[in-house]
Amino acid sequence: MPSTTAPAALLARYDREIRRGARADGPDDVVERVGRVVRRTAPAHGWNGVVWSGFTSAEEADAAITEQIAHYTAQGLSFEWKLYAHDLPADLGRRLVAAGFTPGPDETLMAAETDALAGTTTVPDGVRVVPVTERTGVDQLAEVHERAFGDDASRLRRRLLDALTAAPDTVVAVLALAGDVPVSAARMELTPGTSFAGLWGGGTVPEWRGRGIYRALITHRARTAAARGYPRLHVDASPQSRPILQRLGFTPLTATTPYVYESALRTGHGRGDAQERWLSHQA
């Protein structure tokens, strides 16, 4: 069932709670509101970048871009400017590219109400869903991530261990096991004081795709979010996952594109190593 809240109202709430009201991911993260920018600064293995901007002129945007580059490169950090289609000025993406940023793949920000998703979807026979709470489970989740997405999950592993240790109430991680073999995994970020929980990292190893596990993990996390008092979910959906999510009841709100700036001080690192996103991959 689609959300009963209008997309424009959902997007305004998302901007207010998740972007403008961004909170630190961990004890070593700092969220700053500098002029018309909200940015997060974290250790190199964390997520560094701009989560919101609200410029009133092109000149203001150019000055802020220069300021953010100076801030992160002074610390030897590559960073991401997470741009949304409704951000101003309308040519902000072009201005970021002109300043040296590289755009990543476009995704669709989608939202849904948890009560509408917490239905009867079940995992296939022989598969069970278990929580991830300690190192062994984190290692298995990272293994699934690498097989599902082809990424190096070393930073994800470290970041998830940090979160489960320092702030376990802000993250939910789950595994789908076939017997004792991990075949799918997913995460959910819970931000206290907001109405949204974020879905991330949903992935299934190739030989187990097409059996409903992806949908079952979405339902599992929706139930968990609802039980913890979060009435809404948000997700950055790839073109492949958007149709599935829309059939489940997610509403498209806007497009989002990551623009990555590589610090010249971090030599010898590829893009993925320099800025692996903690909030990587959709659903």
Protein backbone atom coordinates (compact mmCIF):
# COMPACT_ATOMS: atom_id res chain seq x y z
CA MET A 1 0.00 0.00 0.00
CA PRO A 2 1.54 3.36 -0.99
CA SER A 3 2.15 6.05 1.60
CA THR A 4 -0.87 8.11 2.57
CA THR A 5 1.32 11.22 2.93
CA ALA A 6 1.83 13.33 -0.19
CA PRO A 7 5.32 12.97 -1.74
CA ALA A 8 6.03 16.70 -1.39
CA ALA A 9 5.23 16.59 2.33
CA LEU A 10 7.36 13.46 2.80
CA LEU A 11 10.28 15.09 1.00
CA ALA A 12 10.00 18.24 3.11
CA ARG A 13 9.99 16.13 6.28
CA TYR A 14 12.96 14.10 5.06
CA ASP A 15 14.94 17.27 4.30
CA ARG A 16 14.11 18.69 7.72
CA GLU A 17 14.76 15.58 9.82
CA ILE A 18 17.46 13.63 7.98
CA ARG A 19 19.40 16.25 6.04
CA ARG A 20 19.13 19.59 7.87
CA GLY A 21 18.81 17.77 11.20
CA ALA A 22 21.66 15.34 10.51
CA ARG A 23 23.25 13.73 13.54
CA ALA A 24 26.68 12.19 14.02
CA ASP A 25 27.03 8.54 13.05
CA GLY A 26 29.40 7.72 15.90
CA PRO A 27 31.53 9.06 18.75
CA ASP A 28 34.27 10.21 16.37
CA ASP A 29 31.93 11.96 13.92
CA VAL A 30 31.19 15.69 13.93
CA VAL A 31 28.17 17.31 12.26
CA GLU A 32 28.55 21.03 11.55
CA ARG A 33 26.17 23.63 10.19
CA VAL A 34 28.36 26.10 8.33
CA GLY A 35 26.46 28.84 6.57
CA ARG A 36 24.05 27.16 4.16
CA VAL A 37 25.70 23.73 4.43
CA VAL A 38 25.36 20.78 6.78
CA ARG A 39 28.41 18.52 6.67
CA ARG A 40 29.71 15.45 8.46
CA THR A 41 33.39 14.93 9.27
CA ALA A 42 34.50 11.48 10.39
CA PRO A 43 37.61 9.29 10.49
CA ALA A 44 38.87 8.09 7.11
CA HIS A 45 36.94 4.82 7.40
CA GLY A 46 33.67 6.68 8.04
CA TRP A 47 31.40 8.76 5.82
CA ASN A 48 32.57 12.31 5.11
CA GLY A 49 30.49 14.74 3.16
CA VAL A 50 27.78 17.34 2.65
CA VAL A 51 24.30 16.08 3.50
CA TRP A 52 22.35 19.30 2.90
CA SER A 53 22.77 22.68 1.24
CA GLY A 54 20.33 25.50 0.67
CA PHE A 55 21.92 28.24 -1.38
CA THR A 56 20.21 31.45 -2.40
CA SER A 57 22.59 32.34 -5.24
CA ALA A 58 25.17 30.81 -7.57
CA GLU A 59 27.90 32.91 -5.97
CA GLU A 60 27.01 31.55 -2.53
CA ALA A 61 27.16 28.00 -3.92
CA ASP A 62 30.59 28.49 -5.50
CA ALA A 63 32.02 29.95 -2.30
CA ALA A 64 30.63 27.06 -0.24
CA ILE A 65 32.05 24.47 -2.66
CA THR A 66 35.49 26.04 -2.30
CA GLU A 67 35.13 26.09 1.49
CA GLN A 68 34.17 22.40 1.71
CA ILE A 69 37.07 21.34 -0.49
CA ALA A 70 39.45 23.30 1.75
CA HIS A 71 37.92 21.81 4.92
CA TYR A 72 38.24 18.16 3.91
CA THR A 73 41.50 18.30 1.97
CA ALA A 74 43.21 20.04 4.90
CA GLN A 75 42.54 16.81 6.83
CA GLY A 76 43.52 14.52 3.97
CA LEU A 77 39.95 13.30 3.54
CA SER A 78 38.08 12.58 0.37
CA PHE A 79 34.38 13.39 0.67
CA GLU A 80 30.98 13.17 -0.96
CA TRP A 81 28.51 15.91 -1.76
CA LYS A 82 25.13 14.19 -1.73
CA LEU A 83 23.09 16.18 -4.22
CA TYR A 84 19.29 15.97 -4.56
CA ALA A 85 17.42 16.99 -7.69
CA HIS A 86 15.53 19.77 -5.91
CA ASP A 87 18.66 21.39 -4.44
CA LEU A 88 19.48 24.91 -5.65
CA PRO A 89 20.92 26.35 -7.76
CA ALA A 90 19.58 24.07 -10.47
CA ASP A 91 23.06 23.73 -11.99
CA LEU A 92 24.76 22.77 -8.71
CA GLY A 93 25.83 19.44 -10.18
CA ARG A 94 27.60 21.18 -13.05
CA ARG A 95 29.34 23.50 -10.59
CA LEU A 96 30.54 20.53 -8.53
CA VAL A 97 31.98 18.84 -11.62
CA ALA A 98 33.73 22.09 -12.60
CA ALA A 99 35.31 22.14 -9.12
CA GLY A 100 36.71 18.62 -9.53
CA PHE A 101 33.97 16.33 -8.25
CA THR A 102 33.07 13.06 -9.99
CA PRO A 103 29.38 12.10 -10.12
CA GLY A 104 28.30 8.58 -9.21
CA PRO A 105 25.22 6.68 -10.38
CA ASP A 106 21.84 8.34 -9.95
CA GLU A 107 19.47 6.79 -7.41
CA THR A 108 15.89 7.48 -6.38
CA LEU A 109 15.04 8.56 -2.86
CA MET A 110 11.94 6.59 -1.85
CA ALA A 111 9.87 6.44 1.32
CA ALA A 112 7.15 4.25 2.79
CA GLU A 113 5.15 3.88 5.98
CA THR A 114 6.29 0.98 8.15
CA ASP A 115 2.77 -0.19 8.99
CA ALA A 116 2.03 -0.64 5.29
CA LEU A 117 5.12 -2.82 4.79
CA ALA A 118 5.02 -4.98 7.90
CA GLY A 119 2.92 -7.60 6.14
CA THR A 120 3.11 -11.32 5.66
CA THR A 121 6.15 -11.70 3.38
CA THR A 122 8.12 -14.75 4.49
CA VAL A 123 11.52 -16.16 3.62
CA PRO A 124 11.76 -19.33 1.51
CA ASP A 125 11.71 -22.74 3.17
CA GLY A 126 15.07 -23.56 4.67
CA VAL A 127 16.06 -19.91 5.14
CA ARG A 128 16.00 -18.07 8.46
CA VAL A 129 16.68 -14.45 9.40
CA VAL A 130 18.99 -13.80 12.36
CA PRO A 131 20.25 -10.57 13.96
CA VAL A 132 23.87 -9.47 13.69
CA THR A 133 25.18 -8.41 17.09
CA GLU A 134 28.86 -9.38 17.27
CA ARG A 135 32.03 -9.87 15.21
CA THR A 136 31.19 -13.26 13.69
CA GLY A 137 27.91 -11.97 12.32
CA VAL A 138 29.59 -8.81 11.04
CA ASP A 139 32.17 -10.91 9.20
CA GLN A 140 29.38 -12.95 7.60
CA LEU A 141 27.48 -9.80 6.63
CA ALA A 142 30.65 -8.38 5.05
CA GLU A 143 31.14 -11.64 3.14
CA VAL A 144 27.63 -11.40 1.69
CA HIS A 145 28.21 -7.73 0.81
CA GLU A 146 31.38 -8.56 -1.12
CA ARG A 147 29.72 -11.42 -3.01
CA ALA A 148 26.54 -9.46 -3.74
CA PHE A 149 28.09 -6.14 -4.79
CA GLY A 150 31.70 -6.93 -5.67
CA ASP A 151 32.95 -4.36 -3.16
CA ASP A 152 35.75 -4.48 -0.61
CA ALA A 153 33.80 -4.56 2.66
CA SER A 154 36.69 -3.89 5.04
CA ARG A 155 35.49 -0.38 5.91
CA LEU A 156 31.91 -1.50 6.18
CA ARG A 157 33.04 -4.21 8.61
CA ARG A 158 34.90 -1.71 10.79
CA ARG A 159 32.11 0.87 10.69
CA LEU A 160 29.43 -1.66 11.62
CA LEU A 161 31.49 -3.02 14.50
CA ASP A 162 31.97 0.54 15.76
CA ALA A 163 28.21 1.19 15.61
CA LEU A 164 27.22 -2.08 17.29
CA THR A 165 29.73 -1.41 20.07
CA ALA A 166 29.20 2.31 20.70
CA ALA A 167 25.56 2.85 19.70
CA PRO A 168 23.73 -0.47 19.23
CA ASP A 169 20.31 1.21 19.40
CA THR A 170 21.01 3.14 16.20
CA VAL A 171 21.68 0.23 13.84
CA VAL A 172 19.97 -3.03 12.97
CA ALA A 173 21.83 -5.64 10.92
CA VAL A 174 20.42 -8.98 9.80
CA LEU A 175 21.53 -12.09 7.95
CA ALA A 176 19.51 -14.61 5.98
CA LEU A 177 21.01 -18.07 6.45
CA ALA A 178 20.40 -21.18 4.37
CA GLY A 179 21.33 -23.73 6.98
CA ASP A 180 24.48 -22.13 8.34
CA VAL A 181 25.45 -20.42 5.09
CA PRO A 182 24.88 -16.63 4.81
CA VAL A 183 23.04 -15.89 1.56
CA SER A 184 21.64 -12.38 2.10
CA ALA A 185 22.18 -9.44 4.44
CA ALA A 186 20.87 -5.97 5.14
CA ARG A 187 21.17 -3.02 7.53
CA MET A 188 18.90 -0.33 8.92
CA GLU A 189 19.95 2.98 10.45
CA LEU A 190 17.82 4.40 13.27
CA THR A 191 18.17 8.10 14.03
CA PRO A 192 16.69 9.03 17.42
CA GLY A 193 14.37 12.02 17.34
CA THR A 194 13.29 11.46 13.72
CA SER A 195 10.39 9.61 12.14
CA PHE A 196 12.53 7.85 9.50
CA ALA A 197 14.59 4.67 9.60
CA GLY A 198 16.98 4.16 6.69
CA LEU A 199 17.38 0.93 4.74
CA TRP A 200 20.86 0.13 3.45
CA GLY A 201 23.01 -2.66 2.15
CA GLY A 202 20.30 -5.11 1.12
CA GLY A 203 22.02 -7.71 -1.01
CA THR A 204 21.69 -11.39 -1.91
CA VAL A 205 24.41 -13.64 -3.33
CA PRO A 206 23.81 -14.41 -7.02
CA GLU A 207 22.73 -18.04 -6.69
CA TRP A 208 19.95 -17.15 -4.19
CA ARG A 209 18.39 -14.22 -6.03
CA GLY A 210 14.82 -14.29 -7.26
CA ARG A 211 13.47 -16.27 -4.30
CA GLY A 212 11.91 -13.44 -2.29
CA ILE A 213 14.69 -12.99 0.28
CA TYR A 214 15.24 -9.32 -0.64
CA ARG A 215 11.55 -8.55 -0.06
CA ALA A 216 11.51 -10.58 3.16
CA LEU A 217 14.40 -8.56 4.62
CA ILE A 218 12.58 -5.32 3.81
CA THR A 219 9.49 -6.58 5.63
CA HIS A 220 11.59 -7.77 8.57
CA ARG A 221 13.20 -4.36 8.97
CA ALA A 222 9.85 -2.58 8.56
CA ARG A 223 8.45 -4.60 11.46
CA THR A 224 11.50 -3.78 13.56
CA ALA A 225 11.26 -0.07 12.73
CA ALA A 226 7.55 0.01 13.60
CA ALA A 227 8.19 -1.77 16.90
CA ARG A 228 10.80 0.85 17.79
CA GLY A 229 8.52 3.77 17.02
CA TYR A 230 9.65 4.75 13.51
CA PRO A 231 6.60 5.26 11.27
CA ARG A 232 8.55 5.70 8.01
CA LEU A 233 11.37 4.16 6.01
CA HIS A 234 13.64 5.81 3.46
CA VAL A 235 15.92 4.22 0.90
CA ASP A 236 18.16 5.25 -2.00
CA ALA A 237 17.02 2.92 -4.77
CA SER A 238 18.98 1.86 -7.82
CA PRO A 239 17.15 1.53 -11.15
CA GLN A 240 17.09 -2.25 -10.56
CA SER A 241 15.52 -2.10 -7.09
CA ARG A 242 13.13 0.81 -7.67
CA PRO A 243 10.39 -1.31 -9.37
CA ILE A 244 10.49 -3.88 -6.57
CA LEU A 245 10.30 -1.21 -3.88
CA GLN A 246 7.49 0.59 -5.66
CA ARG A 247 5.46 -2.62 -5.82
CA LEU A 248 6.01 -3.03 -2.08
CA GLY A 249 4.56 0.43 -1.44
CA PHE A 250 7.52 2.84 -1.56
CA THR A 251 6.87 6.28 -3.06
CA PRO A 252 9.54 8.01 -5.20
CA LEU A 253 10.39 11.43 -3.77
CA THR A 254 13.33 12.74 -5.79
CA ALA A 255 16.58 11.74 -7.50
CA THR A 256 19.90 11.80 -5.67
CA THR A 257 23.46 11.69 -6.99
CA PRO A 258 26.72 11.30 -5.06
CA TYR A 259 29.48 13.69 -6.16
CA VAL A 260 32.89 12.57 -4.86
CA TYR A 261 35.96 14.73 -4.36
CA GLU A 262 39.28 12.91 -4.02
CA SER A 263 41.79 14.49 -1.67
CA ALA A 264 45.18 14.97 -3.30
CA LEU A 265 46.72 14.12 0.09
CA ARG A 266 45.37 10.56 -0.12
CA THR A 267 47.67 9.19 -2.78
CA GLY A 268 47.64 5.58 -3.87
CA HIS A 269 43.95 5.05 -3.15
CA GLY A 270 41.20 4.37 -5.65
CA ARG A 271 37.81 5.96 -5.44
CA GLY A 272 36.18 3.07 -3.62
CA ASP A 273 38.95 2.93 -1.02
CA ALA A 274 39.01 6.68 -0.49
CA GLN A 275 35.30 7.13 0.06
CA GLU A 276 33.45 3.89 0.73
CA ARG A 277 30.06 4.91 2.02
CA TRP A 278 28.88 3.55 5.36
CA LEU A 279 25.43 3.99 3.93
CA SER A 280 26.31 2.07 0.83
CA HIS A 281 23.92 0.33 -1.51
CA GLN A 282 20.20 0.47 -1.38
CA ALA A 283 17.55 -1.36 0.68
